[in-house]
PDB file of N, CA and C in Angstrom:
ATOM      1  N   SER A   1      10.247  -1.378 -15.862  1.00  0.00           N
ATOM      2  CA  SER A   1      10.037  -2.162 -14.840  1.00  0.00           C
ATOM      3  C   SER A   1      11.327  -2.678 -14.079  1.00  0.00           C
ATOM      4  N   GLN A   2      11.140  -2.491 -12.840  1.00  0.00           N
ATOM      5  CA  GLN A   2      11.895  -3.599 -11.859  1.00  0.00           C
ATOM      6  C   GLN A   2      11.721  -4.685 -11.872  1.00  0.00           C
ATOM      7  N   GLY A   3      12.372  -5.726 -11.160  1.00  0.00           N
ATOM      8  CA  GLY A   3      12.130  -6.929 -11.137  1.00  0.00           C
ATOM      9  C   GLY A   3      11.475  -6.779  -9.046  1.00  0.00           C
ATOM     10  N   PRO A   4      11.700  -7.872  -8.772  1.00  0.00           N
ATOM     11  CA  PRO A   4      11.245  -8.166  -7.660  1.00  0.00           C
ATOM     12  C   PRO A   4      12.331  -7.531  -6.360  1.00  0.00           C
ATOM     13  N   ILE A   5      12.086  -7.350  -5.602  1.00  0.00           N
ATOM     14  CA  ILE A   5      12.738  -6.329  -3.858  1.00  0.00           C
ATOM     15  C   ILE A   5      13.251  -7.802  -3.255  1.00  0.00           C
ATOM     16  N   SER A   6      14.564  -7.947  -2.928  1.00  0.00           N
ATOM     17  CA  SER A   6      15.122  -9.179  -2.418  1.00  0.00           C
ATOM     18  C   SER A   6      16.542  -8.261  -2.066  1.00  0.00           C
ATOM     19  N   GLY A   7      16.907  -9.484  -1.182  1.00  0.00           N
ATOM     20  CA  GLY A   7      18.153  -9.533  -0.519  1.00  0.00           C
ATOM     21  C   GLY A   7      18.013  -8.912   0.277  1.00  0.00           C
ATOM     22  N   VAL A   8      18.727  -7.995   1.078  1.00  0.00           N
ATOM     23  CA  VAL A   8      18.846  -6.917   2.100  1.00  0.00           C
ATOM     24  C   VAL A   8      17.847  -5.543   2.023  1.00  0.00           C
ATOM     25  N   ASN A   9      17.603  -5.578   0.456  1.00  0.00           N
ATOM     26  CA  ASN A   9      16.811  -4.675   0.673  1.00  0.00           C
ATOM     27  C   ASN A   9      15.441  -4.591   0.990  1.00  0.00           C
ATOM     28  N   LYS A  10      14.702  -5.878   1.188  1.00  0.00           N
ATOM     29  CA  LYS A  10      13.933  -6.523   1.615  1.00  0.00           C
ATOM     30  C   LYS A  10      13.339  -5.783   3.216  1.00  0.00           C
ATOM     31  N   ASP A  11      14.767  -5.450   3.674  1.00  0.00           N
ATOM     32  CA  ASP A  11      14.736  -5.237   4.772  1.00  0.00           C
ATOM     33  C   ASP A  11      15.158  -3.730   5.118  1.00  0.00           C
ATOM     34  N   ILE A  12      15.054  -2.636   3.909  1.00  0.00           N
ATOM     35  CA  ILE A  12      15.301  -1.555   4.272  1.00  0.00           C
ATOM     36  C   ILE A  12      14.024  -0.954   4.948  1.00  0.00           C
ATOM     37  N   ALA A  13      14.735   0.327   5.870  1.00  0.00           N
ATOM     38  CA  ALA A  13      13.356   1.233   6.724  1.00  0.00           C
ATOM     39  C   ALA A  13      13.152   2.251   5.605  1.00  0.00           C
ATOM     40  N   VAL A  14      11.835   2.226   6.242  1.00  0.00           N
ATOM     41  CA  VAL A  14      11.356   3.522   4.774  1.00  0.00           C
ATOM     42  C   VAL A  14      10.190   4.157   5.521  1.00  0.00           C
ATOM     43  N   LEU A  15      10.385   5.875   5.290  1.00  0.00           N
ATOM     44  CA  LEU A  15       9.936   6.920   6.214  1.00  0.00           C
ATOM     45  C   LEU A  15       8.774   6.875   5.202  1.00  0.00           C
ATOM     46  N   GLN A  16       7.890   7.471   5.227  1.00  0.00           N
ATOM     47  CA  GLN A  16       6.687   8.008   4.087  1.00  0.00           C
ATOM     48  C   GLN A  16       6.243   9.112   4.478  1.00  0.00           C
ATOM     49  N   CYS A  17       5.786  10.217   4.659  1.00  0.00           N
ATOM     50  CA  CYS A  17       5.456  11.275   4.988  1.00  0.00           C
ATOM     51  C   CYS A  17       4.199  11.997   4.415  1.00  0.00           C
ATOM     52  N   HIS A  18       3.232  12.996   4.983  1.00  0.00           N
ATOM     53  CA  HIS A  18       2.306  13.381   3.834  1.00  0.00           C
ATOM     54  C   HIS A  18       1.200  14.282   4.808  1.00  0.00           C
ATOM     55  N   GLY A  19       1.178  15.280   4.546  1.00  0.00           N
ATOM     56  CA  GLY A  19       0.418  16.199   4.418  1.00  0.00           C
ATOM     57  C   GLY A  19      -1.200  15.760   4.356  1.00  0.00           C
ATOM     58  N   ASP A  20      -2.089  16.113   5.720  1.00  0.00           N
ATOM     59  CA  ASP A  20      -3.556  15.652   5.081  1.00  0.00           C
ATOM     60  C   ASP A  20      -4.315  16.611   4.267  1.00  0.00           C
ATOM     61  N   CYS A  21      -3.741  17.434   3.989  1.00  0.00           N
ATOM     62  CA  CYS A  21      -4.270  18.729   3.192  1.00  0.00           C
ATOM     63  C   CYS A  21      -3.581  19.038   2.094  1.00  0.00           C
ATOM     64  N   ASP A  22      -2.958  18.100   1.671  1.00  0.00           N
ATOM     65  CA  ASP A  22      -1.810  18.492   0.553  1.00  0.00           C
ATOM     66  C   ASP A  22      -2.957  18.459  -0.791  1.00  0.00           C
ATOM     67  N   PRO A  23      -3.124  19.670  -1.802  1.00  0.00           N
ATOM     68  CA  PRO A  23      -4.133  19.498  -2.763  1.00  0.00           C
ATOM     69  C   PRO A  23      -3.495  18.799  -4.340  1.00  0.00           C
ATOM     70  N   LEU A  24      -1.834  18.580  -4.338  1.00  0.00           N
ATOM     71  CA  LEU A  24      -1.908  18.147  -5.001  1.00  0.00           C
ATOM     72  C   LEU A  24      -1.011  16.888  -5.522  1.00  0.00           C
ATOM     73  N   VAL A  25      -0.902  15.890  -4.290  1.00  0.00           N
ATOM     74  CA  VAL A  25      -0.820  14.969  -4.061  1.00  0.00           C
ATOM     75  C   VAL A  25      -1.827  14.114  -2.743  1.00  0.00           C
ATOM     76  N   PRO A  26      -3.386  13.792  -3.267  1.00  0.00           N
ATOM     77  CA  PRO A  26      -3.943  13.412  -2.447  1.00  0.00           C
ATOM     78  C   PRO A  26      -3.561  12.702  -1.511  1.00  0.00           C
ATOM     79  N   LEU A  27      -3.783  12.577  -0.053  1.00  0.00           N
ATOM     80  CA  LEU A  27      -3.485  11.684   1.378  1.00  0.00           C
ATOM     81  C   LEU A  27      -4.288  10.158   0.383  1.00  0.00           C
ATOM     82  N   MET A  28      -4.885  10.188   0.076  1.00  0.00           N
ATOM     83  CA  MET A  28      -5.071   8.696  -0.144  1.00  0.00           C
ATOM     84  C   MET A  28      -3.968   7.831  -1.468  1.00  0.00           C
ATOM     85  N   PHE A  29      -3.652   8.665  -2.248  1.00  0.00           N
ATOM     86  CA  PHE A  29      -2.596   8.478  -2.783  1.00  0.00           C
ATOM     87  C   PHE A  29      -1.279   8.023  -2.171  1.00  0.00           C
ATOM     88  N   GLY A  30      -1.148   8.725  -0.759  1.00  0.00           N
ATOM     89  CA  GLY A  30      -0.186   8.110  -0.254  1.00  0.00           C
ATOM     90  C   GLY A  30      -0.137   6.785   0.836  1.00  0.00           C
ATOM     91  N   SER A  31      -1.857   6.789   0.930  1.00  0.00           N
ATOM     92  CA  SER A  31      -2.227   5.670   1.379  1.00  0.00           C
ATOM     93  C   SER A  31      -2.375   4.362   0.850  1.00  0.00           C
ATOM     94  N   LEU A  32      -2.380   4.590  -0.509  1.00  0.00           N
ATOM     95  CA  LEU A  32      -1.845   3.629  -1.531  1.00  0.00           C
ATOM     96  C   LEU A  32      -0.444   3.330  -1.925  1.00  0.00           C
ATOM     97  N   THR A  33       0.189   4.292  -1.548  1.00  0.00           N
ATOM     98  CA  THR A  33       1.810   3.989  -2.189  1.00  0.00           C
ATOM     99  C   THR A  33       1.840   3.252  -1.120  1.00  0.00           C
ATOM    100  N   VAL A  34       2.128   3.053   0.382  1.00  0.00           N
ATOM    101  CA  VAL A  34       1.874   2.953   1.933  1.00  0.00           C
ATOM    102  C   VAL A  34       2.372   1.386   1.817  1.00  0.00           C
ATOM    103  N   GLU A  35       0.933   1.279   1.419  1.00  0.00           N
ATOM    104  CA  GLU A  35       0.177  -0.031   1.245  1.00  0.00           C
ATOM    105  C   GLU A  35       0.859  -0.865   0.118  1.00  0.00           C
ATOM    106  N   LYS A  36       1.344  -0.772  -1.135  1.00  0.00           N
ATOM    107  CA  LYS A  36       1.922  -0.966  -2.236  1.00  0.00           C
ATOM    108  C   LYS A  36       3.709  -1.263  -1.347  1.00  0.00           C
ATOM    109  N   LEU A  37       4.142  -0.596  -0.970  1.00  0.00           N
ATOM    110  CA  LEU A  37       5.974  -0.577  -0.589  1.00  0.00           C
ATOM    111  C   LEU A  37       5.471  -2.169   0.745  1.00  0.00           C
ATOM    112  N   LYS A  38       4.445  -1.892   1.448  1.00  0.00           N
ATOM    113  CA  LYS A  38       4.497  -3.293   2.519  1.00  0.00           C
ATOM    114  C   LYS A  38       3.991  -4.240   2.150  1.00  0.00           C
ATOM    115  N   SER A  39       3.514  -4.534   0.665  1.00  0.00           N
ATOM    116  CA  SER A  39       3.540  -5.476   0.139  1.00  0.00           C
ATOM    117  C   SER A  39       4.660  -5.918  -0.517  1.00  0.00           C
ATOM    118  N   MET A  40       5.710  -5.176  -0.750  1.00  0.00           N
ATOM    119  CA  MET A  40       6.784  -5.506  -1.408  1.00  0.00           C
ATOM    120  C   MET A  40       8.045  -6.028  -0.527  1.00  0.00           C
ATOM    121  N   ILE A  41       8.035  -5.048   0.516  1.00  0.00           N
ATOM    122  CA  ILE A  41       9.045  -5.564   1.501  1.00  0.00           C
ATOM    123  C   ILE A  41       8.944  -5.300   2.614  1.00  0.00           C
ATOM    124  N   ASN A  42       9.353  -5.609   4.037  1.00  0.00           N
ATOM    125  CA  ASN A  42       8.792  -6.252   5.414  1.00  0.00           C
ATOM    126  C   ASN A  42       8.142  -5.034   5.640  1.00  0.00           C
ATOM    127  N   PRO A  43       6.860  -4.905   5.928  1.00  0.00           N
ATOM    128  CA  PRO A  43       6.039  -4.252   6.198  1.00  0.00           C
ATOM    129  C   PRO A  43       6.109  -3.708   8.096  1.00  0.00           C
ATOM    130  N   ALA A  44       6.669  -4.324   8.646  1.00  0.00           N
ATOM    131  CA  ALA A  44       7.036  -4.217   9.995  1.00  0.00           C
ATOM    132  C   ALA A  44       8.366  -2.645   9.849  1.00  0.00           C
ATOM    133  N   ASN A  45       8.841  -2.558   8.698  1.00  0.00           N
ATOM    134  CA  ASN A  45       9.895  -1.445   8.606  1.00  0.00           C
ATOM    135  C   ASN A  45       9.255  -0.190   8.076  1.00  0.00           C
ATOM    136  N   VAL A  46       7.882  -0.722   7.753  1.00  0.00           N
ATOM    137  CA  VAL A  46       7.053   0.898   6.667  1.00  0.00           C
ATOM    138  C   VAL A  46       6.782   1.513   7.885  1.00  0.00           C
ATOM    139  N   THR A  47       6.957   2.904   7.772  1.00  0.00           N
ATOM    140  CA  THR A  47       6.065   3.905   9.098  1.00  0.00           C
ATOM    141  C   THR A  47       5.383   5.142   7.768  1.00  0.00           C
ATOM    142  N   PHE A  48       4.363   5.491   8.236  1.00  0.00           N
ATOM    143  CA  PHE A  48       3.562   6.691   7.539  1.00  0.00           C
ATOM    144  C   PHE A  48       2.997   7.336   8.519  1.00  0.00           C
ATOM    145  N   LYS A  49       4.045   8.575   8.380  1.00  0.00           N
ATOM    146  CA  LYS A  49       2.931   9.065   9.305  1.00  0.00           C
ATOM    147  C   LYS A  49       2.537  10.510   8.105  1.00  0.00           C
ATOM    148  N   THR A  50       1.551  10.829   8.857  1.00  0.00           N
ATOM    149  CA  THR A  50       0.348  12.135   8.487  1.00  0.00           C
ATOM    150  C   THR A  50       0.646  13.326   9.343  1.00  0.00           C
ATOM    151  N   TYR A  51       0.652  14.333   8.787  1.00  0.00           N
ATOM    152  CA  TYR A  51       0.613  15.620   9.310  1.00  0.00           C
ATOM    153  C   TYR A  51      -0.197  16.656   8.934  1.00  0.00           C
ATOM    154  N   SER A  52      -1.383  16.395  10.255  1.00  0.00           N
ATOM    155  CA  SER A  52      -2.619  17.486  10.088  1.00  0.00           C
ATOM    156  C   SER A  52      -2.785  18.822   9.928  1.00  0.00           C
ATOM    157  N   GLY A  53      -3.278  19.359   8.874  1.00  0.00           N
ATOM    158  CA  GLY A  53      -3.306  20.610   8.322  1.00  0.00           C
ATOM    159  C   GLY A  53      -2.125  21.035   7.054  1.00  0.00           C
ATOM    160  N   LEU A  54      -0.999  20.117   7.141  1.00  0.00           N
ATOM    161  CA  LEU A  54       0.086  20.484   5.978  1.00  0.00           C
ATOM    162  C   LEU A  54      -0.662  20.069   4.398  1.00  0.00           C
ATOM    163  N   MET A  55       0.142  21.135   4.003  1.00  0.00           N
ATOM    164  CA  MET A  55      -0.548  20.990   2.789  1.00  0.00           C
ATOM    165  C   MET A  55       0.772  20.719   1.450  1.00  0.00           C
ATOM    166  N   HIS A  56       1.373  21.143   0.766  1.00  0.00           N
ATOM    167  CA  HIS A  56       2.067  20.633  -0.354  1.00  0.00           C
ATOM    168  C   HIS A  56       3.718  20.865  -0.086  1.00  0.00           C
ATOM    169  N   SER A  57       3.772  20.859   1.269  1.00  0.00           N
ATOM    170  CA  SER A  57       4.973  21.088   2.089  1.00  0.00           C
ATOM    171  C   SER A  57       5.701  20.667   2.831  1.00  0.00           C
ATOM    172  N   SER A  58       6.301  20.804   3.375  1.00  0.00           N
ATOM    173  CA  SER A  58       7.147  20.407   4.760  1.00  0.00           C
ATOM    174  C   SER A  58       7.161  21.075   5.667  1.00  0.00           C
ATOM    175  N   SER A  59       6.988  20.776   7.203  1.00  0.00           N
ATOM    176  CA  SER A  59       6.982  21.606   8.551  1.00  0.00           C
ATOM    177  C   SER A  59       7.913  21.615   8.831  1.00  0.00           C
ATOM    178  N   LEU A  60       8.137  22.213  10.682  1.00  0.00           N
ATOM    179  CA  LEU A  60       9.186  21.169  11.387  1.00  0.00           C
ATOM    180  C   LEU A  60       8.773  20.283  12.156  1.00  0.00           C
ATOM    181  N   GLU A  61       7.963  19.740  12.408  1.00  0.00           N
ATOM    182  CA  GLU A  61       7.390  18.578  12.903  1.00  0.00           C
ATOM    183  C   GLU A  61       8.286  17.280  12.274  1.00  0.00           C
ATOM    184  N   GLU A  62       7.733  17.414  10.824  1.00  0.00           N
ATOM    185  CA  GLU A  62       8.156  16.790   9.785  1.00  0.00           C
ATOM    186  C   GLU A  62       9.418  16.635  10.079  1.00  0.00           C
ATOM    187  N   MET A  63      10.147  17.615   9.442  1.00  0.00           N
ATOM    188  CA  MET A  63      11.694  17.698   9.602  1.00  0.00           C
ATOM    189  C   MET A  63      12.284  16.845  10.978  1.00  0.00           C
ATOM    190  N   MET A  64      11.626  17.196  11.899  1.00  0.00           N
ATOM    191  CA  MET A  64      12.424  16.452  12.873  1.00  0.00           C
ATOM    192  C   MET A  64      11.965  15.240  13.107  1.00  0.00           C
ATOM    193  N   ASP A  65      10.597  14.200  12.700  1.00  0.00           N
ATOM    194  CA  ASP A  65      10.404  12.718  12.530  1.00  0.00           C
ATOM    195  C   ASP A  65      11.677  12.412  11.156  1.00  0.00           C
ATOM    196  N   VAL A  66      12.226  13.650  10.334  1.00  0.00           N
ATOM    197  CA  VAL A  66      12.737  12.850   9.559  1.00  0.00           C
ATOM    198  C   VAL A  66      14.556  12.777   9.832  1.00  0.00           C
ATOM    199  N   LYS A  67      14.778  13.943  10.773  1.00  0.00           N
ATOM    200  CA  LYS A  67      15.598  13.909  11.459  1.00  0.00           C
ATOM    201  C   LYS A  67      15.911  12.720  12.804  1.00  0.00           C
ATOM    202  N   GLU A  68      14.712  12.124  13.104  1.00  0.00           N
ATOM    203  CA  GLU A  68      14.816  11.020  14.244  1.00  0.00           C
ATOM    204  C   GLU A  68      15.104   9.703  13.273  1.00  0.00           C
ATOM    205  N   PHE A  69      14.248   9.599  12.218  1.00  0.00           N
ATOM    206  CA  PHE A  69      14.529   8.538  11.273  1.00  0.00           C
ATOM    207  C   PHE A  69      15.647   8.541  10.955  1.00  0.00           C
ATOM    208  N   ILE A  70      16.664   9.394  10.270  1.00  0.00           N
ATOM    209  CA  ILE A  70      17.844   9.440   9.983  1.00  0.00           C
ATOM    210  C   ILE A  70      19.052   9.014  11.002  1.00  0.00           C
ATOM    211  N   ASP A  71      18.966   9.313  12.252  1.00  0.00           N
ATOM    212  CA  ASP A  71      19.576   9.174  13.663  1.00  0.00           C
ATOM    213  C   ASP A  71      18.990   7.580  14.179  1.00  0.00           C
ATOM    214  N   LYS A  72      18.118   6.943  13.963  1.00  0.00           N
ATOM    215  CA  LYS A  72      18.023   6.055  13.937  1.00  0.00           C
ATOM    216  C   LYS A  72      18.638   4.740  12.956  1.00  0.00           C
ATOM    217  N   HIS A  73      18.755   5.114  11.999  1.00  0.00           N
ATOM    218  CA  HIS A  73      18.856   4.463  11.092  1.00  0.00           C
ATOM    219  C   HIS A  73      20.387   4.142  10.053  1.00  0.00           C
ATOM    220  N   LEU A  74      20.835   5.484  10.306  1.00  0.00           N
ATOM    221  CA  LEU A  74      21.879   5.680   9.376  1.00  0.00           C
ATOM    222  C   LEU A  74      23.506   5.862  10.556  1.00  0.00           C
ATOM    223  N   PRO A  75      24.013   5.103  10.091  1.00  0.00           N
ATOM    224  CA  PRO A  75      25.723   5.415  11.449  1.00  0.00           C
ATOM    225  C   PRO A  75      26.189   6.886  11.661  1.00  0.00           C
ATOM    226  N   PRO A  76      26.465   7.440  12.327  1.00  0.00           N
ATOM    227  CA  PRO A  76      27.049   8.370  12.452  1.00  0.00           C
ATOM    228  C   PRO A  76      28.334   9.344  11.521  1.00  0.00           C
ATOM    229  N   VAL A  77      28.330  10.356  11.047  1.00  0.00           N
ATOM    230  CA  VAL A  77      29.324  10.817  10.127  1.00  0.00           C
ATOM    231  C   VAL A  77      30.340  11.477  11.213  1.00  0.00           C
ATOM    232  N   ASP A  78      31.374  11.064  11.224  1.00  0.00           N
ATOM    233  CA  ASP A  78      32.840  12.034  11.874  1.00  0.00           C
ATOM    234  C   ASP A  78      32.970  13.013  11.435  1.00  0.00           C
TER     235      ASP A  78
END
């Protein structure tokens, strides 16, 4: 078990994505996970996106959201 999240990690940005038709990890578990995360770090920095009809896989829409998140939060690579 890890200790409490502190310091700079309290302000880390998190993007959590979940398909609303995932048969392996039910959407309810994603919702519970995001609420737990919001209790551990700055809740304003936690984004939870759901994708209609998406099963336990990814989609172009999700990958574009991930790209946008990376572009926003990570410095560019030369």
